[in-house]
């Protein structure tokens, strides 16, 4: 017998999502990417604006320091403000990467034209978004951008509530928040 409903869902997975300086510089593109996150049922746990120094950019991309694109990406990522998110979803890493599309914008335009990069990317560096590529990189990248976020505490105490749908979207903060776990008491009863 198959189980249906919210209680049979898989655990939520976390991923880091970045909206890069090329997209943040254009408010309509920034809003379009944010709306795609919402339209694809990602839960936005945290988000923030930030601007990197060259050193922060170098540290984040250190694993690519021997690649031809390293200096270009370091300079670009330090060129303006970004928006970082912690997203939750079943299979969040794969889902976000599919929504972004291929890294190379030329390839994205032909193989995934409706992806974020296929529609909004400019070049392979100015490709609108970044996403973690594995659970290990997601944990590392989330810690890099959100050092106060306690991933294990979230998994043990809040993940189940989010998975069961006990949250709402707060439009001013542009994040999803947990509902008050206590049921509302009706006055006079």
C-alpha atoms as a PDB file:
ATOM      1  CA  UNK A   1       0.000   0.000   0.000  1.00  0.00           C
ATOM      2  CA  UNK A   2       1.419   3.379  -1.020  1.00  0.00           C
ATOM      3  CA  UNK A   3       1.361   6.284   1.389  1.00  0.00           C
ATOM      4  CA  UNK A   4       0.282   9.634   0.058  1.00  0.00           C
ATOM      5  CA  UNK A   5       0.295  13.130   1.464  1.00  0.00           C
ATOM      6  CA  UNK A   6       2.751  15.362   3.231  1.00  0.00           C
ATOM      7  CA  UNK A   7       3.950  12.774   5.731  1.00  0.00           C
ATOM      8  CA  UNK A   8       5.365  10.502   3.025  1.00  0.00           C
ATOM      9  CA  UNK A   9       7.631  13.182   1.545  1.00  0.00           C
ATOM     10  CA  UNK A  10      11.381  12.712   1.539  1.00  0.00           C
ATOM     11  CA  UNK A  11      13.585  14.778   3.796  1.00  0.00           C
ATOM     12  CA  UNK A  12      14.214  18.288   2.594  1.00  0.00           C
ATOM     13  CA  UNK A  13      17.691  18.982   1.274  1.00  0.00           C
ATOM     14  CA  UNK A  14      19.469  22.320   1.557  1.00  0.00           C
ATOM     15  CA  UNK A  15      21.379  24.133  -1.163  1.00  0.00           C
ATOM     16  CA  UNK A  16      23.031  27.480  -1.572  1.00  0.00           C
ATOM     17  CA  UNK A  17      21.761  29.664  -4.397  1.00  0.00           C
ATOM     18  CA  UNK A  18      23.412  32.885  -5.497  1.00  0.00           C
ATOM     19  CA  UNK A  19      22.094  35.570  -7.766  1.00  0.00           C
ATOM     20  CA  UNK A  20      25.248  37.042  -9.250  1.00  0.00           C
ATOM     21  CA  UNK A  21      26.144  40.731  -9.709  1.00  0.00           C
ATOM     22  CA  UNK A  22      25.010  40.806 -13.357  1.00  0.00           C
ATOM     23  CA  UNK A  23      21.436  39.940 -12.319  1.00  0.00           C
ATOM     24  CA  UNK A  24      21.321  41.944  -9.074  1.00  0.00           C
ATOM     25  CA  UNK A  25      22.316  45.042 -11.075  1.00  0.00           C
ATOM     26  CA  UNK A  26      18.988  44.793 -12.921  1.00  0.00           C
ATOM     27  CA  UNK A  27      16.006  44.821 -10.527  1.00  0.00           C
ATOM     28  CA  UNK A  28      13.627  43.193 -13.025  1.00  0.00           C
ATOM     29  CA  UNK A  29      16.013  40.274 -13.576  1.00  0.00           C
ATOM     30  CA  UNK A  30      16.581  39.950  -9.829  1.00  0.00           C
ATOM     31  CA  UNK A  31      12.821  39.814  -9.265  1.00  0.00           C
ATOM     32  CA  UNK A  32      12.354  37.328 -12.132  1.00  0.00           C
ATOM     33  CA  UNK A  33      14.901  34.927 -10.613  1.00  0.00           C
ATOM     34  CA  UNK A  34      13.354  35.300  -7.154  1.00  0.00           C
ATOM     35  CA  UNK A  35       9.927  34.548  -8.640  1.00  0.00           C
ATOM     36  CA  UNK A  36      11.302  31.427 -10.381  1.00  0.00           C
ATOM     37  CA  UNK A  37      12.516  30.214  -6.972  1.00  0.00           C
ATOM     38  CA  UNK A  38       9.007  30.663  -5.570  1.00  0.00           C
ATOM     39  CA  UNK A  39       7.275  29.211  -8.649  1.00  0.00           C
ATOM     40  CA  UNK A  40       9.370  26.045  -8.295  1.00  0.00           C
ATOM     41  CA  UNK A  41       8.277  25.527  -4.681  1.00  0.00           C
ATOM     42  CA  UNK A  42      11.624  26.146  -3.051  1.00  0.00           C
ATOM     43  CA  UNK A  43      11.435  27.108   0.600  1.00  0.00           C
ATOM     44  CA  UNK A  44      13.568  30.196   1.201  1.00  0.00           C
ATOM     45  CA  UNK A  45      15.037  29.766   4.672  1.00  0.00           C
ATOM     46  CA  UNK A  46      17.383  32.747   4.566  1.00  0.00           C
ATOM     47  CA  UNK A  47      18.444  35.396   2.095  1.00  0.00           C
ATOM     48  CA  UNK A  48      20.755  38.369   2.182  1.00  0.00           C
ATOM     49  CA  UNK A  49      22.536  40.904   0.034  1.00  0.00           C
ATOM     50  CA  UNK A  50      26.294  41.077   0.197  1.00  0.00           C
ATOM     51  CA  UNK A  51      29.255  42.463  -1.687  1.00  0.00           C
ATOM     52  CA  UNK A  52      32.495  40.550  -1.762  1.00  0.00           C
ATOM     53  CA  UNK A  53      36.017  41.823  -1.551  1.00  0.00           C
ATOM     54  CA  UNK A  54      38.537  40.322  -3.984  1.00  0.00           C
ATOM     55  CA  UNK A  55      39.899  38.245  -1.081  1.00  0.00           C
ATOM     56  CA  UNK A  56      36.493  36.753  -0.219  1.00  0.00           C
ATOM     57  CA  UNK A  57      35.958  35.921  -3.874  1.00  0.00           C
ATOM     58  CA  UNK A  58      39.396  34.261  -4.070  1.00  0.00           C
ATOM     59  CA  UNK A  59      38.650  32.177  -0.945  1.00  0.00           C
ATOM     60  CA  UNK A  60      35.288  31.004  -2.275  1.00  0.00           C
ATOM     61  CA  UNK A  61      36.707  29.992  -5.668  1.00  0.00           C
ATOM     62  CA  UNK A  62      40.029  28.635  -4.310  1.00  0.00           C
ATOM     63  CA  UNK A  63      39.318  25.133  -5.649  1.00  0.00           C
ATOM     64  CA  UNK A  64      39.372  26.616  -9.180  1.00  0.00           C
ATOM     65  CA  UNK A  65      42.612  28.601  -8.759  1.00  0.00           C
ATOM     66  CA  UNK A  66      44.378  26.520 -11.420  1.00  0.00           C
ATOM     67  CA  UNK A  67      41.633  27.018 -14.021  1.00  0.00           C
ATOM     68  CA  UNK A  68      41.797  29.518 -16.874  1.00  0.00           C
ATOM     69  CA  UNK A  69      38.649  31.337 -15.737  1.00  0.00           C
ATOM     70  CA  UNK A  70      39.708  31.807 -12.090  1.00  0.00           C
ATOM     71  CA  UNK A  71      40.855  35.448 -12.214  1.00  0.00           C
ATOM     72  CA  UNK A  72      37.915  36.480 -14.392  1.00  0.00           C
ATOM     73  CA  UNK A  73      35.331  34.928 -12.048  1.00  0.00           C
ATOM     74  CA  UNK A  74      37.072  36.314  -8.945  1.00  0.00           C
ATOM     75  CA  UNK A  75      36.967  39.862 -10.355  1.00  0.00           C
ATOM     76  CA  UNK A  76      33.394  39.528 -11.581  1.00  0.00           C
ATOM     77  CA  UNK A  77      32.019  38.154  -8.306  1.00  0.00           C
ATOM     78  CA  UNK A  78      33.624  41.079  -6.431  1.00  0.00           C
ATOM     79  CA  UNK A  79      32.280  43.629  -8.946  1.00  0.00           C
ATOM     80  CA  UNK A  80      28.908  44.315  -7.321  1.00  0.00           C
ATOM     81  CA  UNK A  81      26.262  43.153  -4.895  1.00  0.00           C
ATOM     82  CA  UNK A  82      24.913  39.589  -4.886  1.00  0.00           C
ATOM     83  CA  UNK A  83      21.948  37.944  -3.228  1.00  0.00           C
ATOM     84  CA  UNK A  84      22.539  34.657  -1.398  1.00  0.00           C
ATOM     85  CA  UNK A  85      19.843  32.171  -0.408  1.00  0.00           C
ATOM     86  CA  UNK A  86      19.538  29.012   1.612  1.00  0.00           C
ATOM     87  CA  UNK A  87      16.920  26.990  -0.243  1.00  0.00           C
ATOM     88  CA  UNK A  88      15.159  23.830   0.929  1.00  0.00           C
ATOM     89  CA  UNK A  89      13.353  21.343  -1.321  1.00  0.00           C
ATOM     90  CA  UNK A  90      13.243  17.622  -1.900  1.00  0.00           C
ATOM     91  CA  UNK A  91      16.439  16.960  -3.887  1.00  0.00           C
ATOM     92  CA  UNK A  92      17.170  20.717  -3.750  1.00  0.00           C
ATOM     93  CA  UNK A  93      20.650  20.553  -5.278  1.00  0.00           C
ATOM     94  CA  UNK A  94      19.565  18.751  -8.446  1.00  0.00           C
ATOM     95  CA  UNK A  95      16.336  20.723  -8.717  1.00  0.00           C
ATOM     96  CA  UNK A  96      18.114  24.103  -8.435  1.00  0.00           C
ATOM     97  CA  UNK A  97      20.826  23.074 -10.897  1.00  0.00           C
ATOM     98  CA  UNK A  98      18.194  22.005 -13.437  1.00  0.00           C
ATOM     99  CA  UNK A  99      16.342  25.276 -12.964  1.00  0.00           C
ATOM    100  CA  UNK A 100      19.584  27.241 -13.482  1.00  0.00           C
ATOM    101  CA  UNK A 101      20.540  25.288 -16.623  1.00  0.00           C
ATOM    102  CA  UNK A 102      24.042  24.572 -17.944  1.00  0.00           C
ATOM    103  CA  UNK A 103      26.909  26.830 -16.829  1.00  0.00           C
ATOM    104  CA  UNK A 104      27.753  27.734 -20.407  1.00  0.00           C
ATOM    105  CA  UNK A 105      25.107  30.199 -21.571  1.00  0.00           C
ATOM    106  CA  UNK A 106      25.468  29.166 -25.240  1.00  0.00           C
ATOM    107  CA  UNK A 107      24.700  25.566 -24.276  1.00  0.00           C
ATOM    108  CA  UNK A 108      21.876  26.641 -21.965  1.00  0.00           C
ATOM    109  CA  UNK A 109      20.191  28.606 -24.752  1.00  0.00           C
ATOM    110  CA  UNK A 110      20.019  25.471 -26.922  1.00  0.00           C
ATOM    111  CA  UNK A 111      19.652  22.592 -24.480  1.00  0.00           C
ATOM    112  CA  UNK A 112      17.621  24.319 -21.736  1.00  0.00           C
ATOM    113  CA  UNK A 113      16.151  27.504 -23.269  1.00  0.00           C
ATOM    114  CA  UNK A 114      13.607  27.930 -20.473  1.00  0.00           C
ATOM    115  CA  UNK A 115      16.240  27.697 -17.724  1.00  0.00           C
ATOM    116  CA  UNK A 116      17.373  30.798 -15.847  1.00  0.00           C
ATOM    117  CA  UNK A 117      20.705  30.865 -17.655  1.00  0.00           C
ATOM    118  CA  UNK A 118      19.079  30.051 -20.994  1.00  0.00           C
ATOM    119  CA  UNK A 119      16.739  33.017 -20.661  1.00  0.00           C
ATOM    120  CA  UNK A 120      18.799  35.523 -18.668  1.00  0.00           C
ATOM    121  CA  UNK A 121      22.480  34.578 -18.824  1.00  0.00           C
ATOM    122  CA  UNK A 122      24.876  36.836 -20.729  1.00  0.00           C
ATOM    123  CA  UNK A 123      28.202  34.938 -20.793  1.00  0.00           C
ATOM    124  CA  UNK A 124      29.715  31.924 -19.068  1.00  0.00           C
ATOM    125  CA  UNK A 125      30.892  34.179 -16.221  1.00  0.00           C
ATOM    126  CA  UNK A 126      27.868  36.498 -16.200  1.00  0.00           C
ATOM    127  CA  UNK A 127      25.428  33.600 -16.112  1.00  0.00           C
ATOM    128  CA  UNK A 128      23.038  34.992 -13.503  1.00  0.00           C
ATOM    129  CA  UNK A 129      23.189  32.276 -10.828  1.00  0.00           C
ATOM    130  CA  UNK A 130      25.313  29.831  -8.871  1.00  0.00           C
ATOM    131  CA  UNK A 131      24.286  26.677  -7.060  1.00  0.00           C
ATOM    132  CA  UNK A 132      25.978  24.021  -4.982  1.00  0.00           C
ATOM    133  CA  UNK A 133      26.895  20.842  -6.869  1.00  0.00           C
ATOM    134  CA  UNK A 134      26.842  18.285  -4.029  1.00  0.00           C
ATOM    135  CA  UNK A 135      25.667  17.934  -0.416  1.00  0.00           C
ATOM    136  CA  UNK A 136      29.254  18.515   0.721  1.00  0.00           C
ATOM    137  CA  UNK A 137      29.650  21.726  -1.273  1.00  0.00           C
ATOM    138  CA  UNK A 138      26.172  22.874  -0.151  1.00  0.00           C
ATOM    139  CA  UNK A 139      27.180  22.485   3.510  1.00  0.00           C
ATOM    140  CA  UNK A 140      30.489  24.277   2.912  1.00  0.00           C
ATOM    141  CA  UNK A 141      28.954  27.082   0.826  1.00  0.00           C
ATOM    142  CA  UNK A 142      26.041  27.664   3.207  1.00  0.00           C
ATOM    143  CA  UNK A 143      28.551  27.982   6.076  1.00  0.00           C
ATOM    144  CA  UNK A 144      30.609  30.423   3.981  1.00  0.00           C
ATOM    145  CA  UNK A 145      27.661  32.729   3.294  1.00  0.00           C
ATOM    146  CA  UNK A 146      25.575  32.130   6.420  1.00  0.00           C
ATOM    147  CA  UNK A 147      28.056  31.341   9.226  1.00  0.00           C
ATOM    148  CA  UNK A 148      25.355  31.659  11.917  1.00  0.00           C
ATOM    149  CA  UNK A 149      23.011  29.128  10.280  1.00  0.00           C
ATOM    150  CA  UNK A 150      23.197  25.840  12.174  1.00  0.00           C
ATOM    151  CA  UNK A 151      22.460  23.182   9.577  1.00  0.00           C
ATOM    152  CA  UNK A 152      22.314  20.230  11.956  1.00  0.00           C
ATOM    153  CA  UNK A 153      20.012  22.080  14.350  1.00  0.00           C
ATOM    154  CA  UNK A 154      17.717  22.984  11.438  1.00  0.00           C
ATOM    155  CA  UNK A 155      17.637  19.360  10.243  1.00  0.00           C
ATOM    156  CA  UNK A 156      16.842  18.020  13.693  1.00  0.00           C
ATOM    157  CA  UNK A 157      14.334  20.631  14.883  1.00  0.00           C
ATOM    158  CA  UNK A 158      12.772  22.487  11.925  1.00  0.00           C
ATOM    159  CA  UNK A 159      13.076  20.348   8.783  1.00  0.00           C
ATOM    160  CA  UNK A 160      10.057  18.182   9.652  1.00  0.00           C
ATOM    161  CA  UNK A 161       7.848  21.240  10.258  1.00  0.00           C
ATOM    162  CA  UNK A 162       8.802  22.717   6.881  1.00  0.00           C
ATOM    163  CA  UNK A 163       8.365  19.334   5.165  1.00  0.00           C
ATOM    164  CA  UNK A 164       4.875  19.038   6.652  1.00  0.00           C
ATOM    165  CA  UNK A 165       3.931  22.472   5.334  1.00  0.00           C
ATOM    166  CA  UNK A 166       3.860  24.440   8.608  1.00  0.00           C
ATOM    167  CA  UNK A 167       5.254  27.593   7.001  1.00  0.00           C
ATOM    168  CA  UNK A 168       4.192  30.684   5.092  1.00  0.00           C
ATOM    169  CA  UNK A 169       5.856  33.170   2.778  1.00  0.00           C
ATOM    170  CA  UNK A 170       6.589  36.571   4.326  1.00  0.00           C
ATOM    171  CA  UNK A 171       6.546  39.012   1.376  1.00  0.00           C
ATOM    172  CA  UNK A 172       8.398  41.858   3.108  1.00  0.00           C
ATOM    173  CA  UNK A 173      11.247  39.628   4.291  1.00  0.00           C
ATOM    174  CA  UNK A 174      11.045  37.475   1.134  1.00  0.00           C
ATOM    175  CA  UNK A 175      11.573  34.273   3.122  1.00  0.00           C
ATOM    176  CA  UNK A 176       9.423  31.412   4.373  1.00  0.00           C
ATOM    177  CA  UNK A 177       8.797  31.376   8.115  1.00  0.00           C
ATOM    178  CA  UNK A 178       7.399  28.677  10.369  1.00  0.00           C
ATOM    179  CA  UNK A 179       3.844  29.104  11.538  1.00  0.00           C
ATOM    180  CA  UNK A 180       3.216  29.305  15.262  1.00  0.00           C
ATOM    181  CA  UNK A 181       3.019  25.649  16.318  1.00  0.00           C
ATOM    182  CA  UNK A 182       0.341  26.436  18.908  1.00  0.00           C
ATOM    183  CA  UNK A 183      -3.201  26.311  17.486  1.00  0.00           C
ATOM    184  CA  UNK A 184      -5.122  29.553  17.636  1.00  0.00           C
ATOM    185  CA  UNK A 185      -7.563  29.691  20.529  1.00  0.00           C
ATOM    186  CA  UNK A 186     -11.010  30.969  19.712  1.00  0.00           C
ATOM    187  CA  UNK A 187     -12.038  33.747  22.118  1.00  0.00           C
ATOM    188  CA  UNK A 188     -14.874  32.912  24.453  1.00  0.00           C
ATOM    189  CA  UNK A 189     -14.538  29.124  24.169  1.00  0.00           C
END
